[in-house]
C-alpha cells in the first residue's frame, strides 16, 4: 500500500480502522481502505498507486492459473459496484467461492500468501506478525480465492480471499466513470470484528458488578 503524509493530492480517500483493546488483547478489524483515483495519472505524482502491490499480486495470481483452475476461480464477469460486505449492504459471505488453496501449486500458493501479507502488514509490525501467524496456522490450503471481471490492471475486477479466520475483498470497478481506477478493499477477522471475540472472552473470565 502507498500513502504519503504531508502532501495534499487531489482525490477522495476513505480509511476506516477499528481497534478494540481488552487488557493486552487487540482486535484490528474491520480494516477498510478506499481511494479515487487509485493511480495518479498526471502531475509530479503520476504513477503513484494506493494498494498497488495488493492489486498486482491479485492479478498475478489469477493469471498464473491454468484454464482448468480458472474455471473454478472465476465466479462471473459482472464486477460488483462495491465490496460485497460493505457496511450499507448488510451482506455477509458465508459460502466459499472460487478455488481452494489445496488445489494450487507451490508458486501459486506463494502468491496467495504474498497477497495476504501485503494486506496484514499495513498494520504496525508487531501486531501484523501476530495476525499473519494466525492466518498461516489456519492453513493456506484452506483459503478460497475467487475472481470476477477482467484479468488486466486497467479492466474492472474484483477478488475475494476467504479463509477459516479471515476475509479479504478487493474491488476496482471504477466508480461512476467505469475507469477501473477507484478501489475499495476490506480485511475482516472472522468472529472477532469490533473485538467480538476478545470482549466475549473477557466477560466470560472476568467478574463484573451490575
N, C-alpha and C. Protein backbone atom coordinates (compact mmCIF):
# COMPACT_ATOMS: atom_id res chain seq x y z
N UNK A 1 0.86 -1.19 0.00
CA UNK A 1 0.00 0.00 0.00
C UNK A 1 0.89 1.23 0.00
N UNK A 2 0.42 2.31 -0.64
CA UNK A 2 1.20 3.54 -0.72
C UNK A 2 0.40 4.71 -0.17
N UNK A 3 0.90 5.32 0.89
CA UNK A 3 0.31 6.55 1.42
C UNK A 3 1.43 7.57 1.56
N UNK A 4 1.11 8.83 1.43
CA UNK A 4 2.10 9.88 1.63
C UNK A 4 1.55 10.90 2.62
N UNK A 5 2.29 11.16 3.69
CA UNK A 5 1.86 12.13 4.68
C UNK A 5 2.37 13.51 4.30
N UNK A 6 1.57 14.53 4.59
CA UNK A 6 2.00 15.90 4.39
C UNK A 6 1.90 16.38 2.96
N UNK A 7 1.28 15.60 2.07
CA UNK A 7 1.14 16.00 0.68
C UNK A 7 -0.35 16.05 0.35
N UNK A 8 -0.82 17.15 -0.16
CA UNK A 8 -2.23 17.31 -0.48
C UNK A 8 -2.46 16.94 -1.94
N UNK A 9 -2.90 15.71 -2.16
CA UNK A 9 -3.19 15.24 -3.50
C UNK A 9 -4.69 15.33 -3.74
N UNK A 10 -5.06 15.66 -4.97
CA UNK A 10 -6.47 15.79 -5.31
C UNK A 10 -7.08 14.41 -5.47
N UNK A 11 -8.03 14.06 -4.61
CA UNK A 11 -8.66 12.76 -4.70
C UNK A 11 -9.57 12.55 -3.50
N UNK A 12 -10.21 11.40 -3.47
CA UNK A 12 -11.10 11.04 -2.39
C UNK A 12 -10.53 9.81 -1.72
N UNK A 13 -10.32 9.89 -0.40
CA UNK A 13 -9.72 8.79 0.32
C UNK A 13 -10.65 8.35 1.45
N UNK A 14 -10.77 7.05 1.63
CA UNK A 14 -11.56 6.50 2.72
C UNK A 14 -10.68 5.54 3.51
N UNK A 15 -10.61 5.73 4.80
CA UNK A 15 -9.83 4.84 5.66
C UNK A 15 -10.60 4.63 6.95
N UNK A 16 -10.95 3.38 7.21
CA UNK A 16 -11.66 3.05 8.45
C UNK A 16 -10.90 1.92 9.14
N UNK A 17 -10.35 2.22 10.31
CA UNK A 17 -9.61 1.24 11.08
C UNK A 17 -10.26 1.14 12.46
N UNK A 18 -10.57 -0.06 12.89
CA UNK A 18 -11.24 -0.26 14.17
C UNK A 18 -10.31 -1.01 15.12
N UNK A 19 -10.09 -0.43 16.29
CA UNK A 19 -9.27 -1.06 17.32
C UNK A 19 -10.10 -1.26 18.59
N UNK A 20 -10.08 -2.47 19.12
CA UNK A 20 -10.72 -2.75 20.40
C UNK A 20 -9.66 -3.33 21.33
N UNK A 21 -9.48 -2.72 22.49
CA UNK A 21 -8.47 -3.14 23.45
C UNK A 21 -9.15 -3.77 24.66
N UNK A 22 -8.72 -4.97 25.00
CA UNK A 22 -9.16 -5.61 26.24
C UNK A 22 -7.90 -6.18 26.89
N UNK A 23 -7.41 -5.49 27.93
CA UNK A 23 -6.15 -5.90 28.53
C UNK A 23 -5.03 -5.81 27.51
N UNK A 24 -4.32 -6.91 27.30
CA UNK A 24 -3.24 -6.92 26.31
C UNK A 24 -3.69 -7.50 24.97
N UNK A 25 -5.00 -7.69 24.80
CA UNK A 25 -5.54 -8.22 23.55
C UNK A 25 -6.08 -7.07 22.70
N UNK A 26 -5.84 -7.16 21.38
CA UNK A 26 -6.28 -6.11 20.47
C UNK A 26 -7.00 -6.73 19.28
N UNK A 27 -8.16 -6.18 18.95
CA UNK A 27 -8.86 -6.53 17.72
C UNK A 27 -8.65 -5.39 16.72
N UNK A 28 -8.38 -5.72 15.46
CA UNK A 28 -7.99 -4.67 14.50
C UNK A 28 -8.87 -4.59 13.26
N UNK A 29 -9.95 -5.35 13.22
CA UNK A 29 -10.79 -5.30 12.02
C UNK A 29 -12.23 -4.98 12.41
N UNK A 30 -13.04 -4.52 11.43
CA UNK A 30 -12.76 -4.40 10.01
C UNK A 30 -11.73 -3.29 9.70
N UNK A 31 -10.96 -3.55 8.65
CA UNK A 31 -9.92 -2.63 8.18
C UNK A 31 -10.26 -2.30 6.73
N UNK A 32 -10.73 -1.07 6.49
CA UNK A 32 -11.25 -0.69 5.16
C UNK A 32 -10.42 0.43 4.56
N UNK A 33 -10.13 0.30 3.26
CA UNK A 33 -9.40 1.33 2.52
C UNK A 33 -10.12 1.58 1.19
N UNK A 34 -10.29 2.84 0.84
CA UNK A 34 -10.85 3.19 -0.46
C UNK A 34 -10.15 4.42 -1.01
N UNK A 35 -10.01 4.51 -2.31
CA UNK A 35 -9.36 5.67 -2.91
C UNK A 35 -9.81 5.89 -4.35
N UNK A 36 -10.01 7.14 -4.70
CA UNK A 36 -10.38 7.54 -6.05
C UNK A 36 -9.65 8.84 -6.37
N UNK A 37 -8.66 8.84 -7.25
CA UNK A 37 -8.22 7.69 -8.05
C UNK A 37 -7.27 6.80 -7.26
N UNK A 38 -7.12 5.56 -7.74
CA UNK A 38 -6.17 4.64 -7.14
C UNK A 38 -4.76 4.89 -7.67
N UNK A 39 -4.69 5.37 -8.90
CA UNK A 39 -3.40 5.72 -9.50
C UNK A 39 -3.47 7.14 -10.05
N UNK A 40 -2.46 7.95 -9.73
CA UNK A 40 -2.42 9.33 -10.24
C UNK A 40 -1.86 9.33 -11.65
N UNK A 41 -2.60 9.96 -12.55
CA UNK A 41 -2.25 9.92 -13.97
C UNK A 41 -1.56 11.18 -14.46
N UNK A 42 -1.47 12.20 -13.60
CA UNK A 42 -0.85 13.46 -14.00
C UNK A 42 -0.11 14.08 -12.82
N UNK A 43 0.52 15.21 -13.07
CA UNK A 43 1.30 15.96 -12.08
C UNK A 43 2.59 15.21 -11.76
N UNK A 44 3.35 15.78 -10.83
CA UNK A 44 4.61 15.15 -10.46
C UNK A 44 4.41 13.83 -9.72
N UNK A 45 3.16 13.53 -9.33
CA UNK A 45 2.87 12.29 -8.64
C UNK A 45 2.32 11.21 -9.57
N UNK A 46 2.37 11.44 -10.85
CA UNK A 46 1.88 10.46 -11.83
C UNK A 46 2.56 9.12 -11.62
N UNK A 47 1.75 8.07 -11.59
CA UNK A 47 2.27 6.73 -11.39
C UNK A 47 2.16 6.23 -9.97
N UNK A 48 1.92 7.16 -9.02
CA UNK A 48 1.72 6.73 -7.63
C UNK A 48 0.42 5.93 -7.53
N UNK A 49 0.46 4.82 -6.80
CA UNK A 49 -0.72 3.97 -6.66
C UNK A 49 -0.94 3.61 -5.19
N UNK A 50 -2.19 3.60 -4.80
CA UNK A 50 -2.59 3.10 -3.49
C UNK A 50 -3.07 1.67 -3.67
N UNK A 51 -2.64 0.77 -2.80
CA UNK A 51 -2.97 -0.65 -2.89
C UNK A 51 -2.43 -1.28 -4.18
N UNK A 52 -1.39 -0.70 -4.72
CA UNK A 52 -0.82 -1.20 -5.97
C UNK A 52 -0.27 -2.61 -5.86
N UNK A 53 0.45 -2.88 -4.77
CA UNK A 53 1.02 -4.22 -4.59
C UNK A 53 -0.08 -5.26 -4.42
N UNK A 54 -1.10 -4.92 -3.62
CA UNK A 54 -2.20 -5.85 -3.41
C UNK A 54 -2.91 -6.17 -4.72
N UNK A 55 -3.12 -5.13 -5.54
CA UNK A 55 -3.79 -5.35 -6.82
C UNK A 55 -2.91 -6.16 -7.78
N UNK A 56 -1.64 -5.81 -7.87
CA UNK A 56 -0.73 -6.51 -8.78
C UNK A 56 -0.62 -7.99 -8.43
N UNK A 57 -0.55 -8.29 -7.14
CA UNK A 57 -0.45 -9.68 -6.72
C UNK A 57 -1.73 -10.46 -7.01
N UNK A 58 -2.88 -9.78 -6.84
CA UNK A 58 -4.15 -10.43 -7.19
C UNK A 58 -4.19 -10.78 -8.67
N UNK A 59 -3.78 -9.84 -9.51
CA UNK A 59 -3.73 -10.08 -10.96
C UNK A 59 -2.71 -11.17 -11.30
N UNK A 60 -1.60 -11.17 -10.58
CA UNK A 60 -0.58 -12.19 -10.83
C UNK A 60 -1.11 -13.58 -10.51
N UNK A 61 -1.89 -13.68 -9.42
CA UNK A 61 -2.44 -14.99 -9.05
C UNK A 61 -3.42 -15.49 -10.10
N UNK A 62 -4.38 -14.67 -10.50
CA UNK A 62 -5.38 -15.15 -11.45
C UNK A 62 -4.74 -15.51 -12.78
N UNK A 63 -3.71 -14.76 -13.18
CA UNK A 63 -3.05 -15.05 -14.46
C UNK A 63 -2.05 -16.20 -14.38
N UNK A 64 -1.78 -16.67 -13.18
CA UNK A 64 -0.91 -17.84 -13.02
C UNK A 64 -1.68 -19.15 -13.11
N UNK A 65 -3.02 -19.06 -13.03
CA UNK A 65 -3.84 -20.27 -13.03
C UNK A 65 -3.96 -20.88 -14.42
N UNK A 66 -4.10 -22.19 -14.45
CA UNK A 66 -4.38 -22.88 -15.70
C UNK A 66 -5.84 -22.62 -16.08
N UNK A 67 -6.19 -22.98 -17.29
CA UNK A 67 -7.58 -22.78 -17.73
C UNK A 67 -8.54 -23.60 -16.87
N UNK A 68 -8.13 -24.79 -16.48
CA UNK A 68 -8.98 -25.61 -15.63
C UNK A 68 -9.15 -24.99 -14.25
N UNK A 69 -8.06 -24.43 -13.73
CA UNK A 69 -8.14 -23.76 -12.42
C UNK A 69 -9.02 -22.52 -12.50
N UNK A 70 -8.92 -21.80 -13.61
CA UNK A 70 -9.72 -20.58 -13.77
C UNK A 70 -11.22 -20.90 -13.79
N UNK A 71 -11.59 -22.06 -14.29
CA UNK A 71 -12.99 -22.43 -14.31
C UNK A 71 -13.57 -22.48 -12.89
N UNK A 72 -12.73 -22.81 -11.94
CA UNK A 72 -13.16 -22.84 -10.54
C UNK A 72 -13.01 -21.46 -9.89
N UNK A 73 -11.94 -20.75 -10.24
CA UNK A 73 -11.63 -19.49 -9.56
C UNK A 73 -12.54 -18.35 -9.99
N UNK A 74 -12.89 -18.29 -11.29
CA UNK A 74 -13.68 -17.17 -11.80
C UNK A 74 -15.15 -17.40 -11.52
N UNK A 75 -15.72 -16.49 -10.76
CA UNK A 75 -17.10 -16.62 -10.31
C UNK A 75 -18.06 -16.13 -11.39
N UNK A 76 -17.77 -14.96 -11.97
CA UNK A 76 -18.59 -14.38 -13.03
C UNK A 76 -17.79 -13.26 -13.68
N UNK A 77 -18.41 -12.56 -14.62
CA UNK A 77 -17.76 -11.43 -15.28
C UNK A 77 -18.37 -10.09 -14.86
N UNK A 78 -19.47 -10.12 -14.12
CA UNK A 78 -20.15 -8.88 -13.72
C UNK A 78 -19.57 -8.40 -12.39
N UNK A 79 -18.70 -7.40 -12.48
CA UNK A 79 -17.98 -6.93 -11.30
C UNK A 79 -18.93 -6.17 -10.36
N UNK A 80 -18.91 -6.47 -9.06
CA UNK A 80 -19.76 -5.74 -8.11
C UNK A 80 -19.43 -4.25 -8.13
N UNK A 81 -20.43 -3.44 -7.84
CA UNK A 81 -20.21 -1.99 -7.80
C UNK A 81 -19.37 -1.59 -6.60
N UNK A 82 -19.26 -2.48 -5.61
CA UNK A 82 -18.51 -2.19 -4.39
C UNK A 82 -18.16 -3.53 -3.75
N UNK A 83 -17.39 -3.49 -2.67
CA UNK A 83 -17.17 -4.73 -1.94
C UNK A 83 -18.51 -5.28 -1.48
N UNK A 84 -18.65 -6.58 -1.51
CA UNK A 84 -19.95 -7.21 -1.25
C UNK A 84 -20.37 -7.05 0.21
N UNK A 85 -19.42 -7.07 1.13
CA UNK A 85 -19.76 -6.98 2.55
C UNK A 85 -19.67 -5.56 3.09
N UNK A 86 -19.89 -4.58 2.22
CA UNK A 86 -19.88 -3.19 2.65
C UNK A 86 -20.89 -2.92 3.75
N UNK A 87 -20.63 -1.90 4.55
CA UNK A 87 -21.47 -1.61 5.72
C UNK A 87 -22.93 -1.39 5.35
N UNK A 88 -23.17 -0.75 4.21
CA UNK A 88 -24.55 -0.43 3.83
C UNK A 88 -25.27 -1.61 3.21
N UNK A 89 -24.52 -2.62 2.75
CA UNK A 89 -25.16 -3.76 2.09
C UNK A 89 -25.81 -4.71 3.07
N UNK A 90 -25.25 -4.79 4.27
CA UNK A 90 -25.77 -5.72 5.26
C UNK A 90 -25.51 -7.18 4.91
N UNK A 91 -24.68 -7.43 3.91
CA UNK A 91 -24.42 -8.80 3.46
C UNK A 91 -23.19 -9.38 4.13
N UNK A 92 -23.19 -10.68 4.28
CA UNK A 92 -22.04 -11.41 4.77
C UNK A 92 -21.81 -12.61 3.84
N UNK A 93 -20.57 -12.92 3.58
CA UNK A 93 -20.23 -14.03 2.70
C UNK A 93 -20.00 -15.27 3.53
N UNK A 94 -20.89 -16.21 3.43
CA UNK A 94 -20.77 -17.44 4.20
C UNK A 94 -20.35 -18.62 3.33
N UNK A 95 -20.50 -18.49 2.02
CA UNK A 95 -20.12 -19.56 1.10
C UNK A 95 -18.67 -19.38 0.66
N UNK A 96 -18.02 -20.49 0.35
CA UNK A 96 -16.66 -20.46 -0.17
C UNK A 96 -16.70 -20.39 -1.69
N UNK A 97 -16.32 -19.24 -2.23
CA UNK A 97 -16.32 -19.03 -3.67
C UNK A 97 -14.92 -19.24 -4.22
N UNK A 98 -14.82 -19.81 -5.41
CA UNK A 98 -13.54 -19.88 -6.09
C UNK A 98 -12.82 -21.20 -5.92
N UNK A 99 -11.50 -21.13 -6.00
CA UNK A 99 -10.65 -22.30 -5.95
C UNK A 99 -9.98 -22.41 -4.59
N UNK A 100 -9.89 -23.62 -4.08
CA UNK A 100 -9.29 -23.84 -2.76
C UNK A 100 -7.77 -23.84 -2.86
N UNK A 101 -7.12 -23.36 -1.80
CA UNK A 101 -5.67 -23.29 -1.79
C UNK A 101 -5.00 -24.63 -2.02
N UNK A 102 -5.63 -25.70 -1.55
CA UNK A 102 -5.06 -27.03 -1.72
C UNK A 102 -4.95 -27.43 -3.18
N UNK A 103 -5.69 -26.75 -4.06
CA UNK A 103 -5.66 -27.07 -5.49
C UNK A 103 -4.66 -26.23 -6.27
N UNK A 104 -3.91 -25.38 -5.56
CA UNK A 104 -2.90 -24.54 -6.20
C UNK A 104 -1.54 -25.22 -6.11
N UNK A 105 -0.66 -24.89 -7.07
CA UNK A 105 0.70 -25.42 -6.98
C UNK A 105 1.54 -24.54 -6.04
N UNK A 106 2.79 -24.91 -5.87
CA UNK A 106 3.65 -24.24 -4.89
C UNK A 106 3.81 -22.76 -5.19
N UNK A 107 4.04 -22.38 -6.44
CA UNK A 107 4.23 -20.98 -6.80
C UNK A 107 2.94 -20.18 -6.61
N UNK A 108 1.82 -20.78 -6.96
CA UNK A 108 0.53 -20.10 -6.81
C UNK A 108 0.20 -19.88 -5.33
N UNK A 109 0.52 -20.87 -4.50
CA UNK A 109 0.30 -20.70 -3.06
C UNK A 109 1.17 -19.58 -2.50
N UNK A 110 2.37 -19.46 -3.03
CA UNK A 110 3.27 -18.39 -2.57
C UNK A 110 2.69 -17.03 -2.91
N UNK A 111 2.12 -16.88 -4.11
CA UNK A 111 1.50 -15.61 -4.50
C UNK A 111 0.32 -15.30 -3.58
N UNK A 112 -0.51 -16.30 -3.33
CA UNK A 112 -1.65 -16.14 -2.42
C UNK A 112 -1.18 -15.66 -1.05
N UNK A 113 -0.12 -16.25 -0.57
CA UNK A 113 0.42 -15.86 0.73
C UNK A 113 0.95 -14.43 0.71
N UNK A 114 1.58 -14.03 -0.40
CA UNK A 114 2.09 -12.67 -0.53
C UNK A 114 0.96 -11.64 -0.49
N UNK A 115 -0.16 -11.97 -1.12
CA UNK A 115 -1.31 -11.04 -1.11
C UNK A 115 -1.76 -10.79 0.33
N UNK A 116 -1.93 -11.88 1.07
CA UNK A 116 -2.37 -11.76 2.45
C UNK A 116 -1.37 -10.95 3.26
N UNK A 117 -0.10 -11.21 3.05
CA UNK A 117 0.94 -10.50 3.78
C UNK A 117 0.88 -8.99 3.51
N UNK A 118 0.65 -8.61 2.24
CA UNK A 118 0.56 -7.19 1.91
C UNK A 118 -0.57 -6.51 2.68
N UNK A 119 -1.72 -7.17 2.76
CA UNK A 119 -2.84 -6.58 3.48
C UNK A 119 -2.54 -6.48 4.97
N UNK A 120 -2.09 -7.57 5.56
CA UNK A 120 -1.90 -7.61 7.01
C UNK A 120 -0.78 -6.68 7.47
N UNK A 121 0.28 -6.58 6.68
CA UNK A 121 1.41 -5.77 7.11
C UNK A 121 1.24 -4.28 6.80
N UNK A 122 0.02 -3.88 6.51
CA UNK A 122 -0.31 -2.46 6.57
C UNK A 122 -0.43 -2.03 8.02
N UNK A 123 -0.54 -3.00 8.93
CA UNK A 123 -0.55 -2.71 10.36
C UNK A 123 0.87 -2.50 10.87
N UNK A 124 0.97 -2.02 12.10
CA UNK A 124 2.25 -1.93 12.79
C UNK A 124 2.85 -3.33 12.88
N UNK A 125 4.17 -3.43 12.77
CA UNK A 125 4.85 -4.70 12.53
C UNK A 125 4.51 -5.77 13.57
N UNK A 126 4.65 -5.46 14.85
CA UNK A 126 4.45 -6.49 15.88
C UNK A 126 3.05 -7.08 15.83
N UNK A 127 2.04 -6.21 15.67
CA UNK A 127 0.66 -6.69 15.60
C UNK A 127 0.44 -7.45 14.29
N UNK A 128 1.04 -6.99 13.21
CA UNK A 128 0.89 -7.67 11.92
C UNK A 128 1.42 -9.11 11.99
N UNK A 129 2.55 -9.30 12.66
CA UNK A 129 3.13 -10.63 12.79
C UNK A 129 2.16 -11.57 13.50
N UNK A 130 1.52 -11.09 14.56
CA UNK A 130 0.55 -11.90 15.30
C UNK A 130 -0.62 -12.31 14.41
N UNK A 131 -1.18 -11.32 13.70
CA UNK A 131 -2.34 -11.60 12.85
C UNK A 131 -1.97 -12.51 11.68
N UNK A 132 -0.81 -12.27 11.10
CA UNK A 132 -0.34 -13.08 9.96
C UNK A 132 -0.12 -14.53 10.39
N UNK A 133 0.46 -14.73 11.56
CA UNK A 133 0.69 -16.09 12.07
C UNK A 133 -0.63 -16.84 12.28
N UNK A 134 -1.66 -16.13 12.75
CA UNK A 134 -2.97 -16.76 12.92
C UNK A 134 -3.48 -17.33 11.61
N UNK A 135 -3.34 -16.53 10.55
CA UNK A 135 -3.83 -16.95 9.22
C UNK A 135 -3.04 -18.15 8.72
N UNK A 136 -1.71 -18.11 8.88
CA UNK A 136 -0.88 -19.21 8.40
C UNK A 136 -1.17 -20.50 9.16
N UNK A 137 -1.40 -20.40 10.46
CA UNK A 137 -1.71 -21.59 11.26
C UNK A 137 -3.03 -22.22 10.84
N UNK A 138 -3.97 -21.41 10.39
CA UNK A 138 -5.24 -21.95 9.90
C UNK A 138 -5.08 -22.67 8.57
N UNK A 139 -3.99 -22.36 7.84
CA UNK A 139 -3.67 -23.13 6.64
C UNK A 139 -3.95 -22.44 5.32
N UNK A 140 -2.89 -22.24 4.52
CA UNK A 140 -3.05 -21.69 3.18
C UNK A 140 -3.92 -22.61 2.32
N UNK A 141 -3.81 -23.92 2.56
CA UNK A 141 -4.60 -24.89 1.79
C UNK A 141 -6.10 -24.69 1.98
N UNK A 142 -6.50 -24.06 3.07
CA UNK A 142 -7.92 -23.90 3.40
C UNK A 142 -8.50 -22.56 2.98
N UNK A 143 -7.72 -21.78 2.24
CA UNK A 143 -8.18 -20.47 1.78
C UNK A 143 -8.74 -20.58 0.36
N UNK A 144 -9.91 -20.01 0.15
CA UNK A 144 -10.53 -19.99 -1.18
C UNK A 144 -10.27 -18.64 -1.85
N UNK A 145 -9.95 -18.69 -3.14
CA UNK A 145 -9.70 -17.48 -3.92
C UNK A 145 -10.72 -17.39 -5.04
N UNK A 146 -11.46 -16.31 -5.08
CA UNK A 146 -12.46 -16.11 -6.12
C UNK A 146 -12.19 -14.83 -6.90
N UNK A 147 -12.54 -14.84 -8.18
CA UNK A 147 -12.26 -13.70 -9.06
C UNK A 147 -13.48 -13.37 -9.90
N UNK A 148 -13.68 -12.06 -10.13
CA UNK A 148 -14.74 -11.59 -11.03
C UNK A 148 -14.15 -10.50 -11.92
N UNK A 149 -14.48 -10.55 -13.22
CA UNK A 149 -14.11 -9.46 -14.12
C UNK A 149 -12.85 -9.70 -14.93
N UNK A 150 -12.28 -8.57 -15.42
CA UNK A 150 -11.10 -8.63 -16.28
C UNK A 150 -9.87 -9.09 -15.53
N UNK A 151 -8.88 -9.48 -16.30
CA UNK A 151 -7.66 -10.03 -15.72
C UNK A 151 -6.44 -9.16 -16.04
N UNK A 152 -6.70 -7.89 -16.36
CA UNK A 152 -5.64 -6.93 -16.60
C UNK A 152 -5.87 -5.70 -15.72
N UNK A 153 -4.80 -4.95 -15.47
CA UNK A 153 -4.84 -3.86 -14.50
C UNK A 153 -5.91 -2.82 -14.80
N UNK A 154 -6.07 -2.43 -16.04
CA UNK A 154 -6.99 -1.35 -16.38
C UNK A 154 -8.43 -1.82 -16.59
N UNK A 155 -8.67 -3.09 -16.39
CA UNK A 155 -10.02 -3.63 -16.52
C UNK A 155 -10.64 -3.77 -15.13
N UNK A 156 -11.94 -3.49 -15.04
CA UNK A 156 -12.63 -3.62 -13.76
C UNK A 156 -12.53 -5.06 -13.26
N UNK A 157 -12.23 -5.22 -11.99
CA UNK A 157 -12.09 -6.57 -11.43
C UNK A 157 -12.35 -6.56 -9.93
N UNK A 158 -12.55 -7.75 -9.42
CA UNK A 158 -12.84 -7.97 -8.00
C UNK A 158 -12.24 -9.31 -7.60
N UNK A 159 -11.66 -9.37 -6.41
CA UNK A 159 -11.27 -10.68 -5.92
C UNK A 159 -11.55 -10.81 -4.43
N UNK A 160 -11.71 -12.04 -4.02
CA UNK A 160 -12.00 -12.34 -2.62
C UNK A 160 -11.10 -13.47 -2.16
N UNK A 161 -10.57 -13.35 -0.96
CA UNK A 161 -9.82 -14.41 -0.29
C UNK A 161 -10.59 -14.75 0.97
N UNK A 162 -11.03 -15.99 1.08
CA UNK A 162 -11.91 -16.39 2.18
C UNK A 162 -11.27 -17.57 2.91
N UNK A 163 -10.72 -17.30 4.09
CA UNK A 163 -10.05 -18.34 4.87
C UNK A 163 -10.81 -18.68 6.13
N UNK A 164 -10.34 -19.66 6.88
CA UNK A 164 -11.02 -20.06 8.11
C UNK A 164 -11.14 -18.93 9.13
N UNK A 165 -10.17 -18.02 9.15
CA UNK A 165 -10.15 -16.99 10.18
C UNK A 165 -10.27 -15.56 9.66
N UNK A 166 -10.37 -15.39 8.34
CA UNK A 166 -10.36 -14.04 7.79
C UNK A 166 -11.10 -13.98 6.45
N UNK A 167 -11.37 -12.74 6.03
CA UNK A 167 -11.95 -12.47 4.71
C UNK A 167 -11.32 -11.20 4.18
N UNK A 168 -10.85 -11.26 2.93
CA UNK A 168 -10.33 -10.07 2.26
C UNK A 168 -11.09 -9.89 0.96
N UNK A 169 -11.58 -8.66 0.72
CA UNK A 169 -12.21 -8.31 -0.55
C UNK A 169 -11.46 -7.14 -1.17
N UNK A 170 -11.35 -7.17 -2.48
CA UNK A 170 -10.71 -6.08 -3.23
C UNK A 170 -11.56 -5.82 -4.46
N UNK A 171 -11.98 -4.57 -4.63
CA UNK A 171 -12.86 -4.22 -5.76
C UNK A 171 -12.31 -2.99 -6.48
N UNK A 172 -12.10 -3.12 -7.78
CA UNK A 172 -11.72 -1.97 -8.60
C UNK A 172 -12.70 -1.90 -9.77
N UNK A 173 -13.81 -1.23 -9.51
CA UNK A 173 -14.88 -1.16 -10.50
C UNK A 173 -14.94 0.19 -11.20
N UNK A 174 -14.09 1.11 -10.77
CA UNK A 174 -14.03 2.39 -11.48
C UNK A 174 -15.02 3.43 -11.05
N UNK A 175 -15.97 3.08 -10.19
CA UNK A 175 -16.95 4.07 -9.78
C UNK A 175 -17.82 4.54 -10.93
N UNK A 176 -18.39 5.72 -10.83
CA UNK A 176 -19.30 6.21 -11.88
C UNK A 176 -18.65 6.32 -13.25
N UNK A 177 -17.32 6.54 -13.29
CA UNK A 177 -16.65 6.72 -14.59
C UNK A 177 -16.28 5.40 -15.25
N UNK A 178 -16.40 4.29 -14.50
CA UNK A 178 -16.04 2.97 -15.01
C UNK A 178 -14.63 2.97 -15.58
N UNK A 179 -13.72 3.64 -14.92
CA UNK A 179 -12.36 3.76 -15.42
C UNK A 179 -11.41 2.76 -14.79
N UNK A 180 -11.92 1.86 -13.94
CA UNK A 180 -11.09 0.88 -13.23
C UNK A 180 -9.94 1.58 -12.53
N UNK A 181 -10.26 2.68 -11.86
CA UNK A 181 -9.25 3.42 -11.13
C UNK A 181 -9.83 3.93 -9.81
N UNK A 182 -10.73 3.16 -9.26
CA UNK A 182 -11.41 3.52 -8.00
C UNK A 182 -11.51 2.24 -7.17
N UNK A 183 -10.76 2.19 -6.09
CA UNK A 183 -10.58 0.94 -5.35
C UNK A 183 -11.21 1.00 -3.96
N UNK A 184 -11.84 -0.11 -3.59
CA UNK A 184 -12.25 -0.36 -2.22
C UNK A 184 -11.70 -1.71 -1.80
N UNK A 185 -11.24 -1.83 -0.58
CA UNK A 185 -10.74 -3.11 -0.07
C UNK A 185 -11.03 -3.21 1.41
N UNK A 186 -11.25 -4.44 1.86
CA UNK A 186 -11.53 -4.65 3.28
C UNK A 186 -10.93 -5.97 3.75
N UNK A 187 -10.47 -5.96 4.99
CA UNK A 187 -9.98 -7.16 5.66
C UNK A 187 -10.82 -7.34 6.92
N UNK A 188 -11.39 -8.54 7.07
CA UNK A 188 -12.22 -8.85 8.22
C UNK A 188 -11.65 -10.07 8.95
N UNK A 189 -11.67 -10.03 10.26
CA UNK A 189 -11.27 -11.18 11.08
C UNK A 189 -12.54 -11.86 11.56
N UNK A 190 -12.75 -13.07 11.12
CA UNK A 190 -14.00 -13.77 11.44
C UNK A 190 -14.14 -14.01 12.94
N UNK A 191 -15.30 -13.69 13.46
CA UNK A 191 -15.58 -13.94 14.87
C UNK A 191 -14.99 -12.92 15.81
N UNK A 192 -14.23 -11.95 15.27
CA UNK A 192 -13.56 -11.01 16.17
C UNK A 192 -13.63 -9.57 15.67
N UNK A 193 -14.58 -9.29 14.78
CA UNK A 193 -14.72 -7.92 14.32
C UNK A 193 -15.23 -7.04 15.46
N UNK A 194 -14.70 -5.82 15.52
CA UNK A 194 -15.03 -4.89 16.60
C UNK A 194 -14.75 -5.51 17.97
N UNK A 195 -13.78 -6.43 18.00
CA UNK A 195 -13.40 -7.04 19.28
C UNK A 195 -14.39 -8.05 19.81
N UNK A 196 -15.23 -8.59 18.94
CA UNK A 196 -16.27 -9.53 19.38
C UNK A 196 -15.69 -10.67 20.22
N UNK A 197 -14.61 -11.29 19.75
CA UNK A 197 -14.07 -12.45 20.43
C UNK A 197 -13.34 -12.07 21.72
N UNK A 198 -12.51 -11.02 21.65
CA UNK A 198 -11.75 -10.64 22.85
C UNK A 198 -12.68 -10.13 23.94
N UNK A 199 -13.76 -9.44 23.56
CA UNK A 199 -14.72 -8.97 24.56
C UNK A 199 -15.49 -10.14 25.17
N UNK A 200 -15.87 -11.09 24.31
CA UNK A 200 -16.60 -12.27 24.81
C UNK A 200 -15.77 -13.02 25.84
N UNK A 201 -14.49 -13.26 25.52
CA UNK A 201 -13.61 -13.97 26.45
C UNK A 201 -13.43 -13.19 27.74
N UNK A 202 -13.35 -11.87 27.60
CA UNK A 202 -13.19 -11.01 28.78
C UNK A 202 -14.37 -11.17 29.73
N UNK A 203 -15.59 -11.10 29.17
CA UNK A 203 -16.78 -11.20 30.03
C UNK A 203 -16.97 -12.60 30.60
N UNK A 204 -16.43 -13.60 29.90
CA UNK A 204 -16.55 -14.98 30.40
C UNK A 204 -15.59 -15.26 31.55
N UNK A 205 -14.49 -14.55 31.57
CA UNK A 205 -13.43 -14.86 32.56
C UNK A 205 -13.34 -13.83 33.69
N UNK A 206 -13.93 -12.65 33.49
CA UNK A 206 -13.83 -11.58 34.49
C UNK A 206 -15.19 -11.33 35.13
N UNK A 207 -15.18 -11.07 36.43
CA UNK A 207 -16.42 -10.77 37.14
C UNK A 207 -16.74 -9.29 36.99
N UNK A 208 -18.02 -8.98 36.75
CA UNK A 208 -18.45 -7.60 36.58
C UNK A 208 -19.62 -7.34 37.52
N UNK A 209 -19.58 -6.20 38.21
CA UNK A 209 -20.68 -5.81 39.08
C UNK A 209 -21.77 -5.14 38.26
N UNK A 210 -23.01 -5.53 38.50
CA UNK A 210 -24.13 -4.93 37.78
C UNK A 210 -24.44 -3.55 38.34
